[in-house]
Amino acid sequence: MLNLSVILEHSARHYPERPAFTLGDTTLTFEKLNNEANRVAAALVALGIKPGDKAAICLPNILQFPIIYFGILKAGAVVVTLSVLFKKDEFVYHLNDCDAKIFICAAGTPGLPMGKDGKEAFDVADKCEHFFMVSMQAPVADGITTLNDMLKDQPATFETVQTGADNTAVIVYTSGTTGFAKGAELTHSNLFTNTWLSTQILHSAKEDVQLLVLPLFHIFGMTLMMNAGILTGLHSILLPKFDAAAAFNLIEKHSISIIAAVPTMYWGLVHYNAEGFDKSIISKNLRICVSGGASLPLEILKTFEQNFDVAILEGYGMSEGSPVVSFNQLETGRKPGSIGKPVWGVEIKLVNENGDEVPAGEKGELLYRGPNVMKGYYKRPDETNKVLQQGWMHSGDIAIKDEDGFYYIVDRLKDIIIRGGMNVYPREVEEIIMQHPAVSIVSVVGIPHEKWGEEIKAFIVCKKDQSITGEEIIVWAKERMASYKYPRLIEFTDALPLSASGKILKRVLRLSSNEDQ
């Protein structure tokens, strides 16, 4: 038997008065967090929520997230995390797809009205029976039942429902870039193992203070930061929305020692004028930084490390892997630009289109197996069988392995551009363009072309006070890469479209290009 909530219960017993989470001026101790989670569990049982029932939540990085998350687990139910950027129709799809019995949604803000959209979605969802809103800055509308109403008169003690290690604990939806989003079923064992090995990667200790800016509804922030922090018993500082100034303020104020972020966040920190903050203090306290979610451009990595005298450890994972698959680890060494080596218990191999393993130095699809691999996609056996074969999870990512056993992601299989029959890997083109002194960040995609099949297009954000023409970029790139690789089309933009987890949305760039044609 195993219930993931054991990690919170352990820390609450051993470090009851230690701060667990802080948001603004409010701090929850581990004991208080556990007590509040118990109240949520008791309320769910009173509502008739049974073990295995699906409980959907849509919450930013606020104190209620870990409270509700662990309350659902304690009740033996399944947590289904939904993006704060969803609109009504997206909520309807996910609530119906996961068979949610209850939906707990933050009220949101005028600019991000998730509460309004969530309630409208609940009203038309097929099987969802209960809706509760978490008030944030403003009072909720009349007639809406709040989380406080749900928890009224509930006890702070609860006997956690015993669940099997292979029971589903959390359903995390994939991004849905190639069709409808699919819910990856992650078991209590999947998440506990990945949480434990995350503490080993970070070498986290009770004295550490970590910044939680990664969205907790995303598996990266959920496992590597929230759950690993709770297991270790360390203090987590919440930042609901990434902002470079706010991040630097918290890093300095709370003596942050651990940061985990996606590349676009590191890009934001690198390009923010941090003169108002004491870099020496920040550098003194920062002990370890990690990056995942997408490949970190080497120029950003080098600049950040030079500015703050701290190494960024890159890793690789995906929702289906709970998420951590490989990482640069202190014990096994580090190579900037690589995703490191497989983590504890995980095996990786690279295969060609025939399924044969390729030797070091050759490109192949990355496959992995281990205790981190999901149970499957919820209610999608055919989709599960396509990607999960004989225990091996087919990632859809193209990688190479060097002679020292370090892996490097070349690109997403679906993002490869085929121009005139030649494979072009966008990341390779992006890394070269990023070296141009006027370029701040770039994303390269393929768009349909009558003659070549696909043409290469680069979307570029220039550095502040820098300007350059598209023709100059083309000439510059042409001198530095093979003739079939350099972009023929350049579009300058003020910003790149990002997902809620900070990933660049290449599908949006492709769509906008197709509409312009």
Protein backbone atom coordinates (compact mmCIF):
# COMPACT_ATOMS: atom_id res chain seq x y z
CA MET A 1 0.00 0.00 0.00
CA LEU A 2 1.17 3.53 -0.73
CA ASN A 3 -0.46 6.95 -0.73
CA LEU A 4 1.67 9.87 -1.93
CA SER A 5 0.31 12.00 0.91
CA VAL A 6 2.68 10.10 3.21
CA ILE A 7 5.39 12.60 2.27
CA LEU A 8 3.39 15.44 3.83
CA GLU A 9 2.35 13.42 6.87
CA HIS A 10 5.96 12.46 7.55
CA SER A 11 7.19 16.06 7.45
CA ALA A 12 4.23 17.24 9.56
CA ARG A 13 5.17 14.72 12.25
CA HIS A 14 8.89 15.43 12.22
CA TYR A 15 8.99 19.19 11.49
CA PRO A 16 5.56 20.49 12.58
CA GLU A 17 6.63 24.10 13.18
CA ARG A 18 8.93 24.43 10.20
CA PRO A 19 7.67 26.73 7.42
CA ALA A 20 6.46 24.77 4.42
CA PHE A 21 5.04 27.38 2.03
CA THR A 22 5.05 31.16 1.96
CA LEU A 23 2.99 33.44 -0.27
CA GLY A 24 3.46 37.12 0.38
CA ASP A 25 3.21 37.67 4.12
CA THR A 26 1.44 34.38 4.86
CA THR A 27 3.29 31.20 5.82
CA LEU A 28 1.98 27.68 6.36
CA THR A 29 3.88 25.33 8.63
CA PHE A 30 3.98 21.64 7.80
CA GLU A 31 1.58 20.91 10.64
CA LYS A 32 -0.89 23.57 9.44
CA LEU A 33 -0.62 22.37 5.85
CA ASN A 34 -1.36 18.80 6.90
CA ASN A 35 -4.29 19.87 9.07
CA GLU A 36 -5.83 21.90 6.26
CA ALA A 37 -5.37 19.00 3.84
CA ASN A 38 -7.18 16.79 6.37
CA ARG A 39 -10.12 19.21 6.33
CA VAL A 40 -10.27 19.01 2.53
CA ALA A 41 -10.21 15.20 2.66
CA ALA A 42 -12.99 15.11 5.25
CA ALA A 43 -15.10 17.51 3.17
CA LEU A 44 -14.64 15.40 0.04
CA VAL A 45 -15.75 12.24 1.84
CA ALA A 46 -18.77 14.12 3.23
CA LEU A 47 -19.69 15.07 -0.34
CA GLY A 48 -19.63 11.42 -1.37
CA ILE A 49 -16.30 11.44 -3.19
CA LYS A 50 -15.02 7.88 -3.23
CA PRO A 51 -11.55 6.37 -3.80
CA GLY A 52 -10.69 6.56 -7.48
CA ASP A 53 -13.08 9.43 -8.21
CA LYS A 54 -11.56 12.25 -10.24
CA ALA A 55 -11.18 15.68 -8.62
CA ALA A 56 -10.20 18.43 -11.06
CA ILE A 57 -8.39 21.53 -9.83
CA CYS A 58 -7.43 24.76 -11.58
CA LEU A 59 -5.21 26.82 -9.30
CA PRO A 60 -2.19 29.08 -9.72
CA ASN A 61 0.76 28.92 -7.30
CA ILE A 62 -1.19 29.84 -4.17
CA LEU A 63 -1.27 28.27 -0.73
CA GLN A 64 -4.48 26.42 -1.49
CA PHE A 65 -2.77 24.34 -4.19
CA PRO A 66 -0.82 21.98 -1.89
CA ILE A 67 -3.69 21.98 0.61
CA ILE A 68 -6.24 20.79 -1.93
CA TYR A 69 -3.81 18.54 -3.80
CA PHE A 70 -2.94 16.51 -0.70
CA GLY A 71 -6.50 16.62 0.59
CA ILE A 72 -7.66 14.87 -2.57
CA LEU A 73 -4.91 12.26 -2.25
CA LYS A 74 -5.74 11.66 1.42
CA ALA A 75 -9.34 10.93 0.41
CA GLY A 76 -8.09 8.30 -2.04
CA ALA A 77 -9.33 10.30 -5.00
CA VAL A 78 -7.38 11.23 -8.16
CA VAL A 79 -6.02 14.75 -8.68
CA VAL A 80 -6.56 16.14 -12.19
CA THR A 81 -4.61 19.34 -12.73
CA LEU A 82 -5.88 21.87 -15.29
CA SER A 83 -4.11 24.90 -16.74
CA VAL A 84 -4.98 28.36 -15.46
CA LEU A 85 -4.97 29.55 -19.08
CA PHE A 86 -7.88 27.34 -20.13
CA LYS A 87 -11.05 28.87 -21.49
CA LYS A 88 -14.59 27.53 -21.13
CA ASP A 89 -14.51 25.01 -23.98
CA GLU A 90 -11.15 23.64 -22.84
CA PHE A 91 -12.48 23.17 -19.32
CA VAL A 92 -15.54 21.37 -20.69
CA TYR A 93 -13.39 18.99 -22.72
CA HIS A 94 -11.09 18.10 -19.82
CA LEU A 95 -13.85 17.76 -17.22
CA ASN A 96 -15.74 15.38 -19.51
CA ASP A 97 -12.66 13.48 -20.64
CA CYS A 98 -11.47 12.69 -17.10
CA ASP A 99 -14.98 12.01 -15.71
CA ALA A 100 -14.49 14.61 -12.97
CA LYS A 101 -16.91 14.36 -10.06
CA ILE A 102 -15.78 17.65 -8.51
CA PHE A 103 -14.12 20.80 -9.82
CA ILE A 104 -12.27 23.23 -7.56
CA CYS A 105 -11.29 26.39 -9.43
CA ALA A 106 -9.60 29.64 -8.46
CA ALA A 107 -11.62 32.81 -8.97
CA GLY A 108 -8.81 34.29 -11.01
CA THR A 109 -8.37 37.92 -11.94
CA PRO A 110 -10.01 40.30 -14.45
CA GLY A 111 -7.22 39.51 -16.90
CA LEU A 112 -7.38 35.77 -16.23
CA PRO A 113 -11.02 34.91 -15.40
CA MET A 114 -10.58 31.20 -14.84
CA GLY A 115 -13.31 31.16 -12.22
CA LYS A 116 -15.97 32.54 -14.56
CA ASP A 117 -14.97 30.22 -17.40
CA GLY A 118 -14.66 27.30 -15.01
CA LYS A 119 -18.15 27.76 -13.58
CA GLU A 120 -19.67 28.07 -17.05
CA ALA A 121 -17.88 24.87 -18.06
CA PHE A 122 -19.08 23.05 -14.95
CA ASP A 123 -22.68 24.00 -15.74
CA VAL A 124 -22.56 22.05 -19.00
CA ALA A 125 -20.11 19.25 -18.06
CA ASP A 126 -21.73 15.84 -18.26
CA LYS A 127 -20.81 14.14 -14.98
CA CYS A 128 -19.31 16.81 -12.72
CA GLU A 129 -21.46 17.06 -9.59
CA HIS A 130 -19.77 19.69 -7.42
CA PHE A 131 -18.14 23.06 -8.04
CA PHE A 132 -16.22 25.14 -5.51
CA MET A 133 -14.41 28.40 -6.09
CA VAL A 134 -11.24 29.52 -4.34
CA SER A 135 -11.49 33.27 -3.73
CA MET A 136 -8.32 35.21 -4.40
CA GLN A 137 -8.23 39.00 -4.35
CA ALA A 138 -11.90 39.82 -4.84
CA PRO A 139 -15.10 38.26 -3.42
CA VAL A 140 -16.80 35.68 -5.61
CA ALA A 141 -20.17 36.24 -7.24
CA ASP A 142 -23.39 35.60 -5.38
CA GLY A 143 -24.61 32.03 -5.49
CA ILE A 144 -21.12 30.55 -5.91
CA THR A 145 -20.05 28.06 -3.24
CA THR A 146 -16.53 28.71 -2.05
CA LEU A 147 -13.78 26.51 -0.68
CA ASN A 148 -14.39 28.09 2.74
CA ASP A 149 -18.02 26.96 2.53
CA MET A 150 -16.85 23.47 1.66
CA LEU A 151 -14.47 23.30 4.62
CA LYS A 152 -16.81 24.79 7.22
CA ASP A 153 -16.94 22.69 10.42
CA GLN A 154 -14.64 20.02 8.98
CA PRO A 155 -12.15 18.45 11.43
CA ALA A 156 -8.38 18.89 11.22
CA THR A 157 -7.86 15.15 11.65
CA PHE A 158 -8.46 12.48 9.02
CA GLU A 159 -7.46 8.86 8.56
CA THR A 160 -5.88 8.72 5.13
CA VAL A 161 -7.49 6.26 2.73
CA GLN A 162 -5.12 3.42 1.94
CA THR A 163 -4.38 3.16 -1.75
CA GLY A 164 -2.35 0.72 -3.79
CA ALA A 165 1.05 1.78 -5.08
CA ASP A 166 -0.21 1.16 -8.63
CA ASN A 167 -3.45 3.10 -8.15
CA THR A 168 -3.68 6.32 -10.13
CA ALA A 169 -2.80 9.35 -7.99
CA VAL A 170 -2.69 12.17 -10.54
CA ILE A 171 -3.80 12.69 -14.13
CA VAL A 172 -1.73 15.25 -16.00
CA TYR A 173 -2.79 16.22 -19.48
CA THR A 174 -0.29 16.40 -22.29
CA SER A 175 -0.10 19.60 -24.28
CA GLY A 176 -2.21 18.27 -27.13
CA THR A 177 0.05 19.71 -29.83
CA THR A 178 -0.90 16.93 -32.25
CA GLY A 179 -4.61 16.61 -31.51
CA PHE A 180 -6.76 16.39 -28.39
CA ALA A 181 -4.93 16.43 -25.08
CA LYS A 182 -4.52 13.06 -23.39
CA GLY A 183 -4.51 12.42 -19.66
CA ALA A 184 -1.39 10.61 -18.46
CA GLU A 185 -2.22 8.43 -15.45
CA LEU A 186 0.56 8.63 -12.88
CA THR A 187 0.49 6.23 -9.95
CA HIS A 188 1.39 6.82 -6.32
CA SER A 189 4.52 4.75 -6.95
CA ASN A 190 5.43 6.72 -10.10
CA LEU A 191 5.25 10.02 -8.26
CA PHE A 192 6.84 8.88 -5.00
CA THR A 193 9.84 7.41 -6.80
CA ASN A 194 10.28 10.49 -8.97
CA THR A 195 9.89 12.78 -5.96
CA TRP A 196 12.57 10.88 -4.05
CA LEU A 197 15.06 10.89 -6.91
CA SER A 198 14.42 14.63 -7.41
CA THR A 199 15.71 15.24 -3.88
CA GLN A 200 18.85 13.32 -4.80
CA ILE A 201 19.39 15.42 -7.94
CA LEU A 202 18.95 18.67 -6.02
CA HIS A 203 20.82 17.42 -2.94
CA SER A 204 18.13 19.34 -1.10
CA ALA A 205 18.38 19.79 2.65
CA LYS A 206 16.05 21.19 5.30
CA GLU A 207 18.10 24.40 5.33
CA ASP A 208 17.32 25.12 1.67
CA VAL A 209 14.78 27.68 0.55
CA GLN A 210 13.40 27.21 -2.96
CA LEU A 211 11.50 29.49 -5.31
CA LEU A 212 8.35 27.92 -6.77
CA VAL A 213 7.73 29.85 -9.95
CA LEU A 214 7.09 26.84 -12.16
CA PRO A 215 3.31 26.28 -12.30
CA LEU A 216 2.36 23.58 -9.83
CA PHE A 217 -0.36 22.26 -12.12
CA HIS A 218 2.46 21.25 -14.47
CA ILE A 219 4.30 18.03 -13.63
CA PHE A 220 7.77 19.67 -13.56
CA GLY A 221 6.90 22.09 -10.75
CA MET A 222 4.63 19.57 -9.03
CA THR A 223 7.18 16.78 -8.64
CA LEU A 224 10.64 18.33 -8.79
CA MET A 225 9.80 21.28 -6.56
CA MET A 226 6.56 20.99 -4.55
CA ASN A 227 6.65 17.28 -3.72
CA ALA A 228 10.44 17.05 -3.41
CA GLY A 229 10.41 20.09 -1.13
CA ILE A 230 7.74 18.56 1.10
CA LEU A 231 9.57 15.22 1.28
CA THR A 232 12.77 17.00 2.35
CA GLY A 233 10.98 19.36 4.73
CA LEU A 234 12.32 22.56 3.19
CA HIS A 235 10.76 26.01 2.82
CA SER A 236 9.09 26.88 -0.52
CA ILE A 237 8.38 30.46 -1.62
CA LEU A 238 5.45 30.74 -4.02
CA LEU A 239 5.35 33.10 -6.99
CA PRO A 240 1.97 32.81 -8.79
CA LYS A 241 3.18 34.31 -12.07
CA PHE A 242 6.69 34.72 -13.40
CA ASP A 243 8.00 38.25 -13.41
CA ALA A 244 11.73 38.92 -13.39
CA ALA A 245 11.54 41.81 -10.90
CA ALA A 246 9.29 39.87 -8.53
CA ALA A 247 11.53 36.80 -8.84
CA PHE A 248 14.70 38.76 -8.03
CA ASN A 249 12.95 40.39 -5.08
CA LEU A 250 12.00 37.01 -3.59
CA ILE A 251 15.39 35.48 -4.36
CA GLU A 252 17.12 38.23 -2.42
CA LYS A 253 14.54 38.62 0.37
CA HIS A 254 14.28 34.91 1.23
CA SER A 255 17.90 33.90 0.54
CA ILE A 256 16.76 31.46 -2.14
CA SER A 257 19.18 28.57 -2.65
CA ILE A 258 17.28 26.46 -5.22
CA ILE A 259 15.63 27.62 -8.43
CA ALA A 260 13.95 25.50 -11.07
CA ALA A 261 12.73 27.19 -14.23
CA VAL A 262 12.10 26.73 -17.92
CA PRO A 263 14.36 28.40 -20.51
CA THR A 264 12.07 31.36 -21.14
CA MET A 265 12.25 32.23 -17.43
CA TYR A 266 16.05 32.15 -17.45
CA TRP A 267 15.89 34.32 -20.56
CA GLY A 268 13.73 36.80 -18.63
CA LEU A 269 16.17 36.87 -15.71
CA VAL A 270 19.18 37.29 -17.97
CA HIS A 271 17.68 40.24 -19.84
CA TYR A 272 16.24 42.04 -16.82
CA ASN A 273 18.18 45.02 -15.54
CA ALA A 274 18.84 43.81 -11.99
CA GLU A 275 20.82 46.84 -10.83
CA GLY A 276 18.42 47.36 -7.94
CA PHE A 277 19.34 43.99 -6.47
CA ASP A 278 22.55 42.87 -4.81
CA LYS A 279 24.01 40.26 -7.13
CA SER A 280 26.66 39.31 -4.60
CA ILE A 281 24.00 38.33 -2.06
CA ILE A 282 21.99 36.44 -4.67
CA SER A 283 25.09 34.60 -5.89
CA LYS A 284 26.18 33.78 -2.34
CA ASN A 285 22.87 32.09 -1.51
CA LEU A 286 22.11 30.37 -4.81
CA ARG A 287 23.36 26.80 -4.57
CA ILE A 288 21.76 25.02 -7.48
CA CYS A 289 19.63 25.92 -10.48
CA VAL A 290 17.87 23.45 -12.73
CA SER A 291 16.27 23.78 -16.13
CA GLY A 292 13.83 21.58 -17.97
CA GLY A 293 10.70 21.63 -20.09
CA ALA A 294 12.63 22.56 -23.25
CA SER A 295 16.21 22.89 -24.43
CA LEU A 296 18.05 25.81 -22.81
CA PRO A 297 19.98 27.86 -25.40
CA LEU A 298 23.68 27.78 -24.56
CA GLU A 299 23.99 31.58 -24.80
CA ILE A 300 21.38 32.02 -22.05
CA LEU A 301 22.98 29.31 -19.90
CA LYS A 302 26.45 30.86 -20.17
CA THR A 303 25.22 34.39 -19.42
CA PHE A 304 23.20 33.36 -16.37
CA GLU A 305 26.05 31.31 -14.94
CA GLN A 306 28.50 34.17 -15.44
CA ASN A 307 26.13 36.68 -13.82
CA PHE A 308 25.36 34.63 -10.71
CA ASP A 309 28.27 32.22 -10.38
CA VAL A 310 26.04 29.16 -10.17
CA ALA A 311 25.71 26.16 -12.45
CA ILE A 312 22.44 25.33 -14.18
CA LEU A 313 21.79 21.61 -14.28
CA GLU A 314 19.70 20.66 -17.30
CA GLY A 315 17.41 17.69 -17.33
CA TYR A 316 14.83 15.97 -19.45
CA GLY A 317 11.38 14.72 -18.70
CA MET A 318 7.80 14.55 -19.85
CA SER A 319 4.38 14.18 -18.27
CA GLU A 320 4.36 10.47 -19.11
CA GLY A 321 7.61 10.07 -17.12
CA SER A 322 6.38 11.63 -13.86
CA PRO A 323 8.40 13.65 -15.22
CA VAL A 324 12.16 13.19 -14.65
CA VAL A 325 13.93 10.84 -17.09
CA SER A 326 17.53 12.12 -17.17
CA PHE A 327 19.55 14.88 -15.56
CA ASN A 328 22.98 16.35 -15.23
CA GLN A 329 23.88 15.14 -11.75
CA LEU A 330 26.64 16.14 -9.39
CA GLU A 331 27.77 12.52 -9.03
CA THR A 332 27.95 11.77 -12.74
CA GLY A 333 29.24 15.11 -13.97
CA ARG A 334 27.79 17.85 -16.11
CA LYS A 335 27.98 18.87 -19.75
CA PRO A 336 26.31 22.16 -20.67
CA GLY A 337 23.81 21.64 -23.47
CA SER A 338 23.18 18.01 -22.58
CA ILE A 339 20.29 16.47 -20.65
CA GLY A 340 22.73 14.42 -18.63
CA LYS A 341 22.38 10.72 -17.91
CA PRO A 342 19.41 8.56 -16.88
CA VAL A 343 18.24 9.06 -13.30
CA TRP A 344 17.98 6.27 -10.74
CA GLY A 345 16.06 3.24 -12.01
CA VAL A 346 15.61 4.56 -15.56
CA GLU A 347 17.05 3.10 -18.76
CA ILE A 348 17.35 5.01 -22.03
CA LYS A 349 18.04 3.82 -25.56
CA LEU A 350 17.98 5.54 -28.95
CA VAL A 351 16.44 3.75 -31.92
CA ASN A 352 16.08 4.35 -35.66
CA GLU A 353 12.85 4.15 -37.67
CA ASN A 354 13.17 0.35 -37.73
CA GLY A 355 13.40 0.13 -33.95
CA ASP A 356 17.08 -0.81 -33.99
CA GLU A 357 19.32 0.77 -31.37
CA VAL A 358 21.78 3.27 -32.85
CA PRO A 359 25.43 3.66 -31.76
CA ALA A 360 26.87 6.67 -29.95
CA GLY A 361 26.96 9.78 -32.09
CA GLU A 362 23.98 8.82 -34.26
CA LYS A 363 20.50 10.34 -34.03
CA GLY A 364 17.59 8.23 -32.83
CA GLU A 365 14.26 8.47 -31.07
CA LEU A 366 14.66 8.47 -27.29
CA LEU A 367 12.95 5.56 -25.53
CA TYR A 368 12.95 5.02 -21.78
CA ARG A 369 11.62 2.60 -19.19
CA GLY A 370 11.60 2.48 -15.42
CA PRO A 371 9.46 3.13 -12.33
CA ASN A 372 8.61 6.61 -13.64
CA VAL A 373 6.64 5.46 -16.70
CA MET A 374 2.93 6.23 -16.57
CA LYS A 375 0.22 3.61 -16.27
CA GLY A 376 -1.20 4.81 -19.60
CA TYR A 377 -3.43 7.45 -21.14
CA TYR A 378 -6.82 7.60 -19.40
CA LYS A 379 -9.46 5.74 -21.46
CA ARG A 380 -7.14 5.61 -24.50
CA PRO A 381 -5.73 2.08 -24.82
CA ASP A 382 -4.90 2.50 -28.52
CA GLU A 383 -2.95 5.70 -27.90
CA THR A 384 -1.22 4.04 -24.95
CA ASN A 385 -0.18 1.05 -27.04
CA LYS A 386 1.33 3.33 -29.69
CA VAL A 387 3.78 4.96 -27.30
CA LEU A 388 4.24 2.27 -24.65
CA GLN A 389 5.66 -0.92 -26.13
CA GLN A 390 7.18 -3.75 -24.08
CA GLY A 391 7.71 -1.34 -21.21
CA TRP A 392 9.52 1.23 -23.33
CA MET A 393 8.01 4.72 -23.54
CA HIS A 394 8.48 6.27 -26.99
CA SER A 395 9.16 9.93 -26.31
CA GLY A 396 8.91 11.38 -29.81
CA ASP A 397 12.17 13.24 -29.16
CA ILE A 398 15.28 12.86 -31.30
CA ALA A 399 18.55 12.62 -29.39
CA ILE A 400 22.17 11.57 -29.63
CA LYS A 401 24.47 10.00 -27.01
CA ASP A 402 28.14 10.93 -26.80
CA GLU A 403 31.04 8.66 -25.95
CA ASP A 404 30.73 9.51 -22.24
CA GLY A 405 27.09 8.47 -22.03
CA PHE A 406 25.59 11.98 -21.98
CA TYR A 407 22.43 12.53 -24.00
CA TYR A 408 21.55 15.56 -26.12
CA ILE A 409 18.10 16.38 -27.42
CA VAL A 410 18.29 17.29 -31.08
CA ASP A 411 14.62 18.11 -31.52
CA ARG A 412 11.06 16.95 -31.25
CA LEU A 413 10.22 14.34 -33.87
CA LYS A 414 7.13 16.33 -34.81
CA ASP A 415 9.13 19.59 -35.07
CA ILE A 416 11.66 18.31 -37.60
CA ILE A 417 11.49 20.30 -40.83
CA ILE A 418 11.83 18.33 -44.06
CA ARG A 419 12.99 20.76 -46.74
CA GLY A 420 13.54 19.27 -50.16
CA GLY A 421 13.91 15.81 -48.62
CA MET A 422 16.55 16.97 -46.12
CA ASN A 423 15.94 16.85 -42.37
CA VAL A 424 16.46 20.17 -40.61
CA TYR A 425 16.50 20.24 -36.80
CA PRO A 426 15.13 23.60 -35.56
CA ARG A 427 17.15 23.60 -32.36
CA GLU A 428 20.42 23.45 -34.31
CA VAL A 429 19.37 26.47 -36.38
CA GLU A 430 18.17 28.32 -33.26
CA GLU A 431 21.46 27.80 -31.42
CA ILE A 432 23.38 29.37 -34.31
CA ILE A 433 21.03 32.35 -34.71
CA MET A 434 21.14 32.94 -30.94
CA GLN A 435 24.84 33.74 -31.31
CA HIS A 436 24.03 36.88 -33.33
CA PRO A 437 24.69 39.90 -31.10
CA ALA A 438 21.32 41.53 -31.89
CA VAL A 439 19.19 38.43 -31.19
CA SER A 440 17.56 37.97 -27.81
CA ILE A 441 15.59 34.79 -28.48
CA VAL A 442 14.45 32.87 -31.57
CA SER A 443 12.11 30.06 -32.53
CA VAL A 444 12.36 28.21 -35.85
CA VAL A 445 9.48 26.35 -37.51
CA GLY A 446 8.64 24.78 -40.84
CA ILE A 447 5.78 26.09 -42.95
CA PRO A 448 4.24 24.49 -46.06
CA HIS A 449 5.96 25.27 -49.36
CA GLU A 450 4.84 24.25 -52.86
CA LYS A 451 8.33 23.43 -54.15
CA TRP A 452 10.33 22.34 -51.10
CA GLY A 453 7.56 20.71 -49.07
CA GLU A 454 8.47 22.88 -46.10
CA GLU A 455 10.33 26.15 -45.81
CA ILE A 456 12.30 27.31 -42.78
CA LYS A 457 11.05 30.37 -40.92
CA ALA A 458 12.63 32.10 -37.90
CA PHE A 459 10.65 34.22 -35.43
CA ILE A 460 13.08 36.59 -33.72
CA VAL A 461 12.90 38.87 -30.68
CA CYS A 462 15.72 41.43 -30.83
CA LYS A 463 17.65 42.67 -27.82
CA LYS A 464 16.60 46.01 -26.42
CA ASP A 465 17.91 48.96 -28.47
CA GLN A 466 19.13 46.58 -31.19
CA SER A 467 17.82 46.37 -34.72
CA ILE A 468 18.64 44.28 -37.75
CA THR A 469 16.96 43.39 -41.02
CA GLY A 470 15.73 39.99 -42.07
CA GLU A 471 18.12 40.00 -45.00
CA GLU A 472 21.07 40.58 -42.66
CA ILE A 473 20.01 37.61 -40.52
CA ILE A 474 19.68 35.40 -43.60
CA VAL A 475 23.14 36.36 -44.88
CA TRP A 476 24.65 35.85 -41.41
CA ALA A 477 23.00 32.44 -40.98
CA LYS A 478 23.89 31.33 -44.50
CA GLU A 479 27.57 31.82 -43.72
CA ARG A 480 27.36 29.56 -40.66
CA MET A 481 25.27 26.55 -41.71
CA ALA A 482 24.59 24.25 -44.63
CA SER A 483 22.63 25.73 -47.50
CA TYR A 484 19.53 23.62 -46.82
CA LYS A 485 19.38 24.66 -43.14
CA TYR A 486 19.39 28.44 -43.01
CA PRO A 487 16.00 30.23 -42.73
CA ARG A 488 14.68 31.89 -45.87
CA LEU A 489 11.90 33.66 -43.98
CA ILE A 490 12.35 35.98 -41.00
CA GLU A 491 9.68 37.57 -38.85
CA PHE A 492 10.50 39.97 -36.02
CA THR A 493 8.18 40.01 -33.05
CA ASP A 494 8.02 41.64 -29.63
CA ALA A 495 7.36 38.32 -27.88
CA LEU A 496 6.95 34.62 -28.58
CA PRO A 497 3.73 32.79 -27.63
CA LEU A 498 4.16 30.77 -24.44
CA SER A 499 2.22 27.99 -22.75
CA ALA A 500 1.23 28.23 -19.10
CA SER A 501 4.43 26.35 -18.22
CA GLY A 502 6.60 28.78 -20.20
CA LYS A 503 7.24 26.66 -23.30
CA ILE A 504 7.34 28.34 -26.69
CA LEU A 505 4.23 27.35 -28.63
CA LYS A 506 5.59 26.42 -32.04
CA ARG A 507 2.18 25.26 -33.21
CA VAL A 508 0.88 28.82 -32.74
CA LEU A 509 3.78 30.17 -34.81
CA ARG A 510 3.11 27.63 -37.55
CA LEU A 511 -0.59 28.44 -37.53
CA SER A 512 -0.02 32.19 -37.76
CA SER A 513 2.36 31.67 -40.68
CA ASN A 514 -0.12 29.47 -42.54
CA GLU A 515 -2.87 32.05 -42.07
CA ASP A 516 -0.63 34.77 -43.48
CA GLN A 517 0.03 32.86 -46.68
